[in-house]
Amino acid sequence: MRPGWPDRHSEGKHARGARVFAGRAIWVAAAVVAVVCGVVVAVSPPAGTAQLTGAVGPLPLRAPPTPLILVNGQSFDGTPAVGALFTLSGGQLDRHFCTASVVDSPTRDLVITAAHCVSGKAPGQIAFVPGYHSGQEPYGVWLTSDVLSDTTWRTSADPDHDVAFLVVHQPGSSARIQDVTGGERLGIGWPERAWVEVIGYPDGTAQPITCQSESKPFDARQLEFDCGGYTDGTSGGPFLGRVDRSTGAGTVIGVIGGYEQGGDISSVSYSPSFGSAVEALYQLAVAQG
C-alpha cells in the first residue's frame, strides 16, 4: 500500500506553519554579519529600537521571534519505532497527516502522538506505518483500534494536555507492534533542559527528518526545541532523550504539540511537559490495550 504523499502542506488543526522571518530578525542578522566580517555599515535603525554605543549599531529592544542561527533537520531513512500516521480510504493508505512513535508498555501495542492530531478522527480512520520512508513500509501497516486522550484535552483542548495514545493492531494477526519495532521508554518528570533528538515526517517529503539539540523550558508546562524544517506533518513527533545509536531507541519525553499545536513556525517546536497527567493517561492506555 503506497499512498499519494501530498505535494504541499495541508491546512488543518495539526498544521505547522511555514517558515516566517520577521524583518526585525533579518535586520539584526545583517548587523551581526557586518561585525563578524569586520565591516561597519551605517544603517538607519527601524522604529522602536534602542541605540548602543560602538560599531554594532542599534539593536531591537525585543529578542527576534526566530533563532538567528538556524540549524535544519536532516532527512534520513528513519528508525523502527517512529513512523507516519495516515488516514484510510477504502482500506488503503490515503493522506499522511502526523507523526507517532511506539512506546514501551506491558501490552506492547501502544503508540504515542499529539492529541490534536487525532481529535475528531475515529480509530478506524487512522493507520500507523513505523519506519516509513520513500514509499516503503518495512514493518507493515498497523490499524488503530482505540484512541485515548485525557478529559482535560477532550473538554477544553488545553495545550498542556496535548498527548494521546493509540492502541494498534494488524487485522488477522496476533503480532504486537513492540515485538516488531521495539519501543521508546516513556520519560516522566524529565528536566526541561535535556539533549534530545526530535523526529518528524514533513508533508513535503516522503522521508522523516531528524535533528539534535537541547530542549529548554518555554513555560512551566511546555518545552521548546529550536531546529528548522519541522513543518506540517511533524506534529506528534517524539522528543527522544538518551538515544541508543545502535538501535535508535530512546526515552520519549515529549511530542511536537502543545502551544500553537506544536509551533506556528517551522524552526521552533513545542511539547507539553510529561508529568502526572501523561503518566495517568499511559496507565489508562495500558489497561485498555
C-alpha atoms as a PDB file:
ATOM      1  CA  MET A   1       0.000   0.000   0.000  1.00  0.00           C
ATOM      2  CA  ARG A   2       1.661   3.179  -1.185  1.00  0.00           C
ATOM      3  CA  PRO A   3      -0.095   6.479  -0.555  1.00  0.00           C
ATOM      4  CA  GLY A   4      -0.066   9.577  -2.676  1.00  0.00           C
ATOM      5  CA  TRP A   5       2.208  11.679  -0.482  1.00  0.00           C
ATOM      6  CA  PRO A   6       0.977  15.304  -0.512  1.00  0.00           C
ATOM      7  CA  ASP A   7       2.996  17.770  -2.550  1.00  0.00           C
ATOM      8  CA  ARG A   8       2.247  20.764  -0.346  1.00  0.00           C
ATOM      9  CA  HIS A   9       1.444  21.474   3.287  1.00  0.00           C
ATOM     10  CA  SER A  10      -2.175  20.795   4.132  1.00  0.00           C
ATOM     11  CA  GLU A  11      -4.330  23.075   6.189  1.00  0.00           C
ATOM     12  CA  GLY A  12      -5.930  21.860   9.385  1.00  0.00           C
ATOM     13  CA  LYS A  13      -5.682  21.885  13.121  1.00  0.00           C
ATOM     14  CA  HIS A  14      -2.498  19.801  13.024  1.00  0.00           C
ATOM     15  CA  ALA A  15      -0.780  22.181  10.589  1.00  0.00           C
ATOM     16  CA  ARG A  16       2.678  23.549  11.383  1.00  0.00           C
ATOM     17  CA  GLY A  17       3.169  26.991   9.853  1.00  0.00           C
ATOM     18  CA  ALA A  18       5.657  27.725   7.093  1.00  0.00           C
ATOM     19  CA  ARG A  19       8.934  29.482   7.845  1.00  0.00           C
ATOM     20  CA  VAL A  20       8.435  33.126   8.741  1.00  0.00           C
ATOM     21  CA  PHE A  21      11.280  35.510   9.391  1.00  0.00           C
ATOM     22  CA  ALA A  22      10.277  38.900  10.705  1.00  0.00           C
ATOM     23  CA  GLY A  23      12.014  41.911   9.204  1.00  0.00           C
ATOM     24  CA  ARG A  24      13.386  42.734  12.629  1.00  0.00           C
ATOM     25  CA  ALA A  25      15.201  39.394  12.854  1.00  0.00           C
ATOM     26  CA  ILE A  26      16.688  39.798   9.379  1.00  0.00           C
ATOM     27  CA  TRP A  27      17.935  43.320  10.233  1.00  0.00           C
ATOM     28  CA  VAL A  28      19.696  42.052  13.384  1.00  0.00           C
ATOM     29  CA  ALA A  29      21.283  39.162  11.498  1.00  0.00           C
ATOM     30  CA  ALA A  30      22.657  41.619   8.926  1.00  0.00           C
ATOM     31  CA  ALA A  31      24.172  43.726  11.700  1.00  0.00           C
ATOM     32  CA  VAL A  32      25.835  40.670  13.212  1.00  0.00           C
ATOM     33  CA  VAL A  33      27.246  39.603   9.836  1.00  0.00           C
ATOM     34  CA  ALA A  34      28.647  43.109   9.271  1.00  0.00           C
ATOM     35  CA  VAL A  35      30.509  42.964  12.584  1.00  0.00           C
ATOM     36  CA  VAL A  36      31.818  39.447  12.018  1.00  0.00           C
ATOM     37  CA  CYS A  37      33.169  40.437   8.628  1.00  0.00           C
ATOM     38  CA  GLY A  38      34.899  43.489  10.110  1.00  0.00           C
ATOM     39  CA  VAL A  39      32.737  45.925   8.174  1.00  0.00           C
ATOM     40  CA  VAL A  40      30.983  48.826   9.829  1.00  0.00           C
ATOM     41  CA  VAL A  41      27.909  49.878   7.913  1.00  0.00           C
ATOM     42  CA  ALA A  42      25.795  52.926   8.647  1.00  0.00           C
ATOM     43  CA  VAL A  43      22.240  51.678   8.849  1.00  0.00           C
ATOM     44  CA  SER A  44      19.155  53.606   9.801  1.00  0.00           C
ATOM     45  CA  PRO A  45      17.559  51.696  12.690  1.00  0.00           C
ATOM     46  CA  PRO A  46      13.953  50.634  12.433  1.00  0.00           C
ATOM     47  CA  ALA A  47      11.445  52.355  14.642  1.00  0.00           C
ATOM     48  CA  GLY A  48      11.275  51.134  18.243  1.00  0.00           C
ATOM     49  CA  THR A  49      14.965  50.255  18.651  1.00  0.00           C
ATOM     50  CA  ALA A  50      17.471  51.340  21.251  1.00  0.00           C
ATOM     51  CA  GLN A  51      20.834  52.878  20.320  1.00  0.00           C
ATOM     52  CA  LEU A  52      24.009  51.155  21.530  1.00  0.00           C
ATOM     53  CA  THR A  53      27.454  52.711  21.507  1.00  0.00           C
ATOM     54  CA  GLY A  54      30.005  51.129  19.143  1.00  0.00           C
ATOM     55  CA  ALA A  55      30.247  49.650  15.702  1.00  0.00           C
ATOM     56  CA  VAL A  56      27.388  47.181  16.141  1.00  0.00           C
ATOM     57  CA  GLY A  57      24.817  49.959  15.827  1.00  0.00           C
ATOM     58  CA  PRO A  58      21.231  49.892  17.065  1.00  0.00           C
ATOM     59  CA  LEU A  59      19.630  46.632  18.103  1.00  0.00           C
ATOM     60  CA  PRO A  60      15.940  45.896  18.626  1.00  0.00           C
ATOM     61  CA  LEU A  61      14.553  46.213  22.118  1.00  0.00           C
ATOM     62  CA  ARG A  62      12.925  42.775  21.895  1.00  0.00           C
ATOM     63  CA  ALA A  63      14.514  39.460  21.002  1.00  0.00           C
ATOM     64  CA  PRO A  64      13.800  38.262  17.459  1.00  0.00           C
ATOM     65  CA  PRO A  65      10.978  35.731  17.139  1.00  0.00           C
ATOM     66  CA  THR A  66      13.199  33.133  15.432  1.00  0.00           C
ATOM     67  CA  PRO A  67      16.760  31.945  16.132  1.00  0.00           C
ATOM     68  CA  LEU A  68      19.406  33.966  14.279  1.00  0.00           C
ATOM     69  CA  ILE A  69      21.493  30.847  13.656  1.00  0.00           C
ATOM     70  CA  LEU A  70      19.154  28.272  12.177  1.00  0.00           C
ATOM     71  CA  VAL A  71      20.021  24.576  12.078  1.00  0.00           C
ATOM     72  CA  ASN A  72      17.793  22.460   9.862  1.00  0.00           C
ATOM     73  CA  GLY A  73      16.645  18.903  10.394  1.00  0.00           C
ATOM     74  CA  GLN A  74      18.192  16.359   8.028  1.00  0.00           C
ATOM     75  CA  SER A  75      16.314  13.747   6.015  1.00  0.00           C
ATOM     76  CA  PHE A  76      17.139  10.109   6.800  1.00  0.00           C
ATOM     77  CA  ASP A  77      15.675   6.637   6.337  1.00  0.00           C
ATOM     78  CA  GLY A  78      14.017   6.606   9.713  1.00  0.00           C
ATOM     79  CA  THR A  79      14.106   4.471  12.802  1.00  0.00           C
ATOM     80  CA  PRO A  80      11.926   1.416  13.538  1.00  0.00           C
ATOM     81  CA  ALA A  81       9.795   2.757  16.396  1.00  0.00           C
ATOM     82  CA  VAL A  82       8.918   6.132  14.816  1.00  0.00           C
ATOM     83  CA  GLY A  83       6.501   6.357  11.920  1.00  0.00           C
ATOM     84  CA  ALA A  84       3.930   8.281   9.942  1.00  0.00           C
ATOM     85  CA  LEU A  85       0.199   8.496  10.596  1.00  0.00           C
ATOM     86  CA  PHE A  86      -2.171   8.208   7.640  1.00  0.00           C
ATOM     87  CA  THR A  87      -5.885   8.402   7.064  1.00  0.00           C
ATOM     88  CA  LEU A  88      -7.509   5.394   5.412  1.00  0.00           C
ATOM     89  CA  SER A  89      -9.768   5.283   2.381  1.00  0.00           C
ATOM     90  CA  GLY A  90     -11.251   2.060   1.122  1.00  0.00           C
ATOM     91  CA  GLY A  91      -8.876   0.090   3.313  1.00  0.00           C
ATOM     92  CA  GLN A  92      -5.829   1.736   1.711  1.00  0.00           C
ATOM     93  CA  LEU A  93      -3.428   4.392   2.971  1.00  0.00           C
ATOM     94  CA  ASP A  94      -4.655   7.808   1.917  1.00  0.00           C
ATOM     95  CA  ARG A  95      -3.185  11.031   3.349  1.00  0.00           C
ATOM     96  CA  HIS A  96      -0.256  11.450   5.695  1.00  0.00           C
ATOM     97  CA  PHE A  97      -1.108  13.900   8.488  1.00  0.00           C
ATOM     98  CA  CYS A  98       1.106  13.472  11.584  1.00  0.00           C
ATOM     99  CA  THR A  99       3.933  11.538  13.270  1.00  0.00           C
ATOM    100  CA  ALA A 100       3.861   8.998  16.120  1.00  0.00           C
ATOM    101  CA  SER A 101       6.116   6.515  17.913  1.00  0.00           C
ATOM    102  CA  VAL A 102       5.823   3.148  19.603  1.00  0.00           C
ATOM    103  CA  VAL A 103       6.084   3.426  23.368  1.00  0.00           C
ATOM    104  CA  ASP A 104       7.220   0.610  25.622  1.00  0.00           C
ATOM    105  CA  SER A 105       4.327  -0.969  27.524  1.00  0.00           C
ATOM    106  CA  PRO A 106       3.315  -4.287  29.109  1.00  0.00           C
ATOM    107  CA  THR A 107       0.707  -4.735  26.347  1.00  0.00           C
ATOM    108  CA  ARG A 108       3.288  -3.997  23.596  1.00  0.00           C
ATOM    109  CA  ASP A 109       0.668  -2.329  21.383  1.00  0.00           C
ATOM    110  CA  LEU A 110       0.795   1.402  22.236  1.00  0.00           C
ATOM    111  CA  VAL A 111       1.757   4.381  20.107  1.00  0.00           C
ATOM    112  CA  ILE A 112       2.101   7.982  21.356  1.00  0.00           C
ATOM    113  CA  THR A 113       1.318  11.172  19.394  1.00  0.00           C
ATOM    114  CA  ALA A 114      -0.213  14.621  19.897  1.00  0.00           C
ATOM    115  CA  ALA A 115      -3.894  14.706  20.827  1.00  0.00           C
ATOM    116  CA  HIS A 116      -4.634  17.467  18.300  1.00  0.00           C
ATOM    117  CA  CYS A 117      -3.509  15.089  15.531  1.00  0.00           C
ATOM    118  CA  VAL A 118      -6.245  12.561  16.218  1.00  0.00           C
ATOM    119  CA  SER A 119      -9.072  14.651  17.684  1.00  0.00           C
ATOM    120  CA  GLY A 120     -12.239  14.132  15.687  1.00  0.00           C
ATOM    121  CA  LYS A 121     -10.901  11.041  13.938  1.00  0.00           C
ATOM    122  CA  ALA A 122     -12.429   7.623  14.546  1.00  0.00           C
ATOM    123  CA  PRO A 123      -9.967   4.815  15.347  1.00  0.00           C
ATOM    124  CA  GLY A 124     -10.855   3.046  12.108  1.00  0.00           C
ATOM    125  CA  GLN A 125      -9.734   6.103  10.111  1.00  0.00           C
ATOM    126  CA  ILE A 126      -6.114   6.055  11.367  1.00  0.00           C
ATOM    127  CA  ALA A 127      -3.185   3.893  10.300  1.00  0.00           C
ATOM    128  CA  PHE A 128       0.379   3.929  11.649  1.00  0.00           C
ATOM    129  CA  VAL A 129       3.354   2.969   9.463  1.00  0.00           C
ATOM    130  CA  PRO A 130       6.525   2.608  11.560  1.00  0.00           C
ATOM    131  CA  GLY A 131       9.826   3.262   9.804  1.00  0.00           C
ATOM    132  CA  TYR A 132       8.063   4.578   6.694  1.00  0.00           C
ATOM    133  CA  HIS A 133      10.369   6.115   4.073  1.00  0.00           C
ATOM    134  CA  SER A 134      10.248   6.647   0.314  1.00  0.00           C
ATOM    135  CA  GLY A 135       7.067   4.606  -0.068  1.00  0.00           C
ATOM    136  CA  GLN A 136       8.455   1.648   1.857  1.00  0.00           C
ATOM    137  CA  GLU A 137       6.653   0.034   4.802  1.00  0.00           C
ATOM    138  CA  PRO A 138       9.420  -2.087   6.375  1.00  0.00           C
ATOM    139  CA  TYR A 139       7.416  -3.013   9.472  1.00  0.00           C
ATOM    140  CA  GLY A 140       3.962  -3.152   7.974  1.00  0.00           C
ATOM    141  CA  VAL A 141       0.798  -1.106   8.356  1.00  0.00           C
ATOM    142  CA  TRP A 142      -0.908  -1.047  11.742  1.00  0.00           C
ATOM    143  CA  LEU A 143      -4.522  -0.037  12.239  1.00  0.00           C
ATOM    144  CA  THR A 144      -5.813   1.856  15.258  1.00  0.00           C
ATOM    145  CA  SER A 145      -8.376   0.169  17.467  1.00  0.00           C
ATOM    146  CA  ASP A 146      -8.569   2.825  20.201  1.00  0.00           C
ATOM    147  CA  VAL A 147      -7.623   6.495  20.697  1.00  0.00           C
ATOM    148  CA  LEU A 148      -7.069   7.777  24.241  1.00  0.00           C
ATOM    149  CA  SER A 149      -6.679  11.384  25.358  1.00  0.00           C
ATOM    150  CA  ASP A 150      -7.432  12.763  28.807  1.00  0.00           C
ATOM    151  CA  THR A 151     -10.583  14.549  29.982  1.00  0.00           C
ATOM    152  CA  THR A 152      -8.930  17.960  30.153  1.00  0.00           C
ATOM    153  CA  TRP A 153      -7.956  17.790  26.496  1.00  0.00           C
ATOM    154  CA  ARG A 154     -11.352  16.485  25.382  1.00  0.00           C
ATOM    155  CA  THR A 155     -13.269  19.203  27.233  1.00  0.00           C
ATOM    156  CA  SER A 156     -11.055  22.253  26.673  1.00  0.00           C
ATOM    157  CA  ALA A 157      -8.227  21.353  24.239  1.00  0.00           C
ATOM    158  CA  ASP A 158      -5.773  22.514  26.900  1.00  0.00           C
ATOM    159  CA  PRO A 159      -2.357  22.630  25.162  1.00  0.00           C
ATOM    160  CA  ASP A 160      -0.698  21.329  28.344  1.00  0.00           C
ATOM    161  CA  HIS A 161      -2.606  18.069  27.759  1.00  0.00           C
ATOM    162  CA  ASP A 162      -1.952  17.678  24.016  1.00  0.00           C
ATOM    163  CA  VAL A 163      -0.960  13.999  24.222  1.00  0.00           C
ATOM    164  CA  ALA A 164      -2.730  10.860  23.007  1.00  0.00           C
ATOM    165  CA  PHE A 165      -2.061   7.137  22.985  1.00  0.00           C
ATOM    166  CA  LEU A 166      -3.219   4.808  20.218  1.00  0.00           C
ATOM    167  CA  VAL A 167      -3.816   1.078  20.569  1.00  0.00           C
ATOM    168  CA  VAL A 168      -2.767  -0.559  17.289  1.00  0.00           C
ATOM    169  CA  HIS A 169      -3.072  -3.977  15.691  1.00  0.00           C
ATOM    170  CA  GLN A 170      -2.791  -5.847  12.406  1.00  0.00           C
ATOM    171  CA  PRO A 171      -6.062  -7.445  11.263  1.00  0.00           C
ATOM    172  CA  GLY A 172      -5.973 -11.212  11.418  1.00  0.00           C
ATOM    173  CA  SER A 173      -2.685 -11.279  13.304  1.00  0.00           C
ATOM    174  CA  SER A 174      -1.744 -11.710  16.943  1.00  0.00           C
ATOM    175  CA  ALA A 175       1.535  -9.835  16.431  1.00  0.00           C
ATOM    176  CA  ARG A 176       2.341  -6.967  18.778  1.00  0.00           C
ATOM    177  CA  ILE A 177       3.984  -3.904  17.278  1.00  0.00           C
ATOM    178  CA  GLN A 178       6.572  -3.535  20.031  1.00  0.00           C
ATOM    179  CA  ASP A 179       7.831  -7.047  19.292  1.00  0.00           C
ATOM    180  CA  VAL A 180       8.436  -5.922  15.697  1.00  0.00           C
ATOM    181  CA  THR A 181       9.869  -2.413  16.111  1.00  0.00           C
ATOM    182  CA  GLY A 182      10.919  -2.118  19.740  1.00  0.00           C
ATOM    183  CA  GLY A 183       9.553   0.745  21.820  1.00  0.00           C
ATOM    184  CA  GLU A 184      10.643   4.071  23.240  1.00  0.00           C
ATOM    185  CA  ARG A 185      10.667   4.270  27.022  1.00  0.00           C
ATOM    186  CA  LEU A 186       8.242   6.805  28.480  1.00  0.00           C
ATOM    187  CA  GLY A 187      10.025   9.594  30.351  1.00  0.00           C
ATOM    188  CA  ILE A 188       8.004  11.255  33.111  1.00  0.00           C
ATOM    189  CA  GLY A 189       9.316  14.254  35.021  1.00  0.00           C
ATOM    190  CA  TRP A 190      12.458  14.807  32.991  1.00  0.00           C
ATOM    191  CA  PRO A 191      14.272  18.148  33.359  1.00  0.00           C
ATOM    192  CA  GLU A 192      13.249  20.809  30.850  1.00  0.00           C
ATOM    193  CA  ARG A 193      16.834  21.106  29.616  1.00  0.00           C
ATOM    194  CA  ALA A 194      17.942  17.841  28.058  1.00  0.00           C
ATOM    195  CA  TRP A 195      19.812  16.810  24.936  1.00  0.00           C
ATOM    196  CA  VAL A 196      17.162  15.341  22.645  1.00  0.00           C
ATOM    197  CA  GLU A 197      16.652  14.048  19.134  1.00  0.00           C
ATOM    198  CA  VAL A 198      13.369  15.071  17.515  1.00  0.00           C
ATOM    199  CA  ILE A 199      11.993  13.068  14.571  1.00  0.00           C
ATOM    200  CA  GLY A 200       9.097  14.094  12.350  1.00  0.00           C
ATOM    201  CA  TYR A 201       7.551  13.395   8.950  1.00  0.00           C
ATOM    202  CA  PRO A 202       7.040  16.642   6.993  1.00  0.00           C
ATOM    203  CA  ASP A 203       4.269  16.577   4.410  1.00  0.00           C
ATOM    204  CA  GLY A 204       6.629  17.855   1.730  1.00  0.00           C
ATOM    205  CA  THR A 205       8.848  14.771   1.687  1.00  0.00           C
ATOM    206  CA  ALA A 206       8.404  11.010   1.898  1.00  0.00           C
ATOM    207  CA  GLN A 207      11.250  10.749   4.394  1.00  0.00           C
ATOM    208  CA  PRO A 208      11.433  11.726   8.059  1.00  0.00           C
ATOM    209  CA  ILE A 209      13.802  14.391   9.344  1.00  0.00           C
ATOM    210  CA  THR A 210      15.914  14.332  12.483  1.00  0.00           C
ATOM    211  CA  CYS A 211      17.684  16.997  14.494  1.00  0.00           C
ATOM    212  CA  GLN A 212      19.564  17.009  17.797  1.00  0.00           C
ATOM    213  CA  SER A 213      19.683  19.938  20.202  1.00  0.00           C
ATOM    214  CA  GLU A 214      18.935  20.882  23.781  1.00  0.00           C
ATOM    215  CA  SER A 215      15.334  21.286  24.821  1.00  0.00           C
ATOM    216  CA  LYS A 216      14.556  24.225  27.077  1.00  0.00           C
ATOM    217  CA  PRO A 217      11.611  25.455  29.140  1.00  0.00           C
ATOM    218  CA  PHE A 218       9.105  27.604  27.288  1.00  0.00           C
ATOM    219  CA  ASP A 219       6.915  27.996  30.339  1.00  0.00           C
ATOM    220  CA  ALA A 220       6.132  25.948  33.428  1.00  0.00           C
ATOM    221  CA  ARG A 221       4.411  23.188  31.439  1.00  0.00           C
ATOM    222  CA  GLN A 222       5.865  23.401  27.937  1.00  0.00           C
ATOM    223  CA  LEU A 223       9.198  22.502  26.330  1.00  0.00           C
ATOM    224  CA  GLU A 224      10.800  24.287  23.368  1.00  0.00           C
ATOM    225  CA  PHE A 225      13.083  22.832  20.693  1.00  0.00           C
ATOM    226  CA  ASP A 226      14.771  25.013  18.065  1.00  0.00           C
ATOM    227  CA  CYS A 227      15.603  23.455  14.690  1.00  0.00           C
ATOM    228  CA  GLY A 228      14.327  24.202  11.191  1.00  0.00           C
ATOM    229  CA  GLY A 229      12.272  22.061   8.844  1.00  0.00           C
ATOM    230  CA  TYR A 230       9.528  20.901  11.221  1.00  0.00           C
ATOM    231  CA  THR A 231       6.573  21.814   9.028  1.00  0.00           C
ATOM    232  CA  ASP A 232       3.094  20.310   8.570  1.00  0.00           C
ATOM    233  CA  GLY A 233       3.019  16.597   9.314  1.00  0.00           C
ATOM    234  CA  THR A 234       5.677  16.625  12.045  1.00  0.00           C
ATOM    235  CA  SER A 235       3.162  17.135  14.862  1.00  0.00           C
ATOM    236  CA  GLY A 236       3.258  14.204  17.267  1.00  0.00           C
ATOM    237  CA  GLY A 237       6.944  13.545  16.561  1.00  0.00           C
ATOM    238  CA  PRO A 238       8.848  12.405  19.657  1.00  0.00           C
ATOM    239  CA  PHE A 239      11.407  14.321  21.719  1.00  0.00           C
ATOM    240  CA  LEU A 240      13.855  11.466  22.411  1.00  0.00           C
ATOM    241  CA  GLY A 241      16.436  11.501  25.180  1.00  0.00           C
ATOM    242  CA  ARG A 242      19.261   9.007  25.799  1.00  0.00           C
ATOM    243  CA  VAL A 243      19.060   7.551  22.300  1.00  0.00           C
ATOM    244  CA  ASP A 244      20.899   4.281  21.734  1.00  0.00           C
ATOM    245  CA  ARG A 245      22.720   4.858  18.437  1.00  0.00           C
ATOM    246  CA  SER A 246      22.840   1.133  17.680  1.00  0.00           C
ATOM    247  CA  THR A 247      19.033   0.715  17.791  1.00  0.00           C
ATOM    248  CA  GLY A 248      17.638   4.244  17.507  1.00  0.00           C
ATOM    249  CA  ALA A 249      15.544   3.671  20.626  1.00  0.00           C
ATOM    250  CA  GLY A 250      15.423   6.250  23.400  1.00  0.00           C
ATOM    251  CA  THR A 251      13.179   7.797  26.028  1.00  0.00           C
ATOM    252  CA  VAL A 252      10.270   9.890  24.767  1.00  0.00           C
ATOM    253  CA  ILE A 253       9.965  12.969  26.989  1.00  0.00           C
ATOM    254  CA  GLY A 254       7.661  14.997  24.732  1.00  0.00           C
ATOM    255  CA  VAL A 255       5.819  15.116  21.414  1.00  0.00           C
ATOM    256  CA  ILE A 256       5.526  18.039  18.994  1.00  0.00           C
ATOM    257  CA  GLY A 257       2.312  19.691  20.104  1.00  0.00           C
ATOM    258  CA  GLY A 258       1.016  21.826  22.930  1.00  0.00           C
ATOM    259  CA  TYR A 259       1.475  25.570  22.448  1.00  0.00           C
ATOM    260  CA  GLU A 260       0.331  26.656  18.961  1.00  0.00           C
ATOM    261  CA  GLN A 261      -0.289  22.941  18.288  1.00  0.00           C
ATOM    262  CA  GLY A 262       3.471  22.487  18.199  1.00  0.00           C
ATOM    263  CA  GLY A 263       4.514  25.851  16.779  1.00  0.00           C
ATOM    264  CA  ASP A 264       3.488  28.331  14.088  1.00  0.00           C
ATOM    265  CA  ILE A 265       6.956  28.479  12.537  1.00  0.00           C
ATOM    266  CA  SER A 266       8.980  25.502  11.388  1.00  0.00           C
ATOM    267  CA  SER A 267      12.139  26.458  13.286  1.00  0.00           C
ATOM    268  CA  VAL A 268      10.576  26.420  16.778  1.00  0.00           C
ATOM    269  CA  SER A 269       8.675  23.402  18.110  1.00  0.00           C
ATOM    270  CA  TYR A 270       6.899  22.889  21.422  1.00  0.00           C
ATOM    271  CA  SER A 271       5.769  19.973  23.558  1.00  0.00           C
ATOM    272  CA  PRO A 272       3.749  19.582  26.727  1.00  0.00           C
ATOM    273  CA  SER A 273       5.926  18.540  29.653  1.00  0.00           C
ATOM    274  CA  PHE A 274       5.310  14.925  30.619  1.00  0.00           C
ATOM    275  CA  GLY A 275       4.083  14.796  34.189  1.00  0.00           C
ATOM    276  CA  SER A 276       1.399  13.081  36.258  1.00  0.00           C
ATOM    277  CA  ALA A 277      -1.351  13.648  33.674  1.00  0.00           C
ATOM    278  CA  VAL A 278       0.602  11.813  30.958  1.00  0.00           C
ATOM    279  CA  GLU A 279       1.503   9.048  33.384  1.00  0.00           C
ATOM    280  CA  ALA A 280      -2.176   8.581  34.304  1.00  0.00           C
ATOM    281  CA  LEU A 281      -3.171   8.543  30.633  1.00  0.00           C
ATOM    282  CA  TYR A 282      -0.491   5.946  29.919  1.00  0.00           C
ATOM    283  CA  GLN A 283      -1.813   3.706  32.674  1.00  0.00           C
ATOM    284  CA  LEU A 284      -5.318   4.037  31.216  1.00  0.00           C
ATOM    285  CA  ALA A 285      -3.979   3.101  27.783  1.00  0.00           C
ATOM    286  CA  VAL A 286      -2.226   0.045  29.234  1.00  0.00           C
ATOM    287  CA  ALA A 287      -5.492  -1.032  30.845  1.00  0.00           C
ATOM    288  CA  GLN A 288      -7.327  -0.559  27.530  1.00  0.00           C
ATOM    289  CA  GLY A 289      -4.635  -2.304  25.485  1.00  0.00           C
END
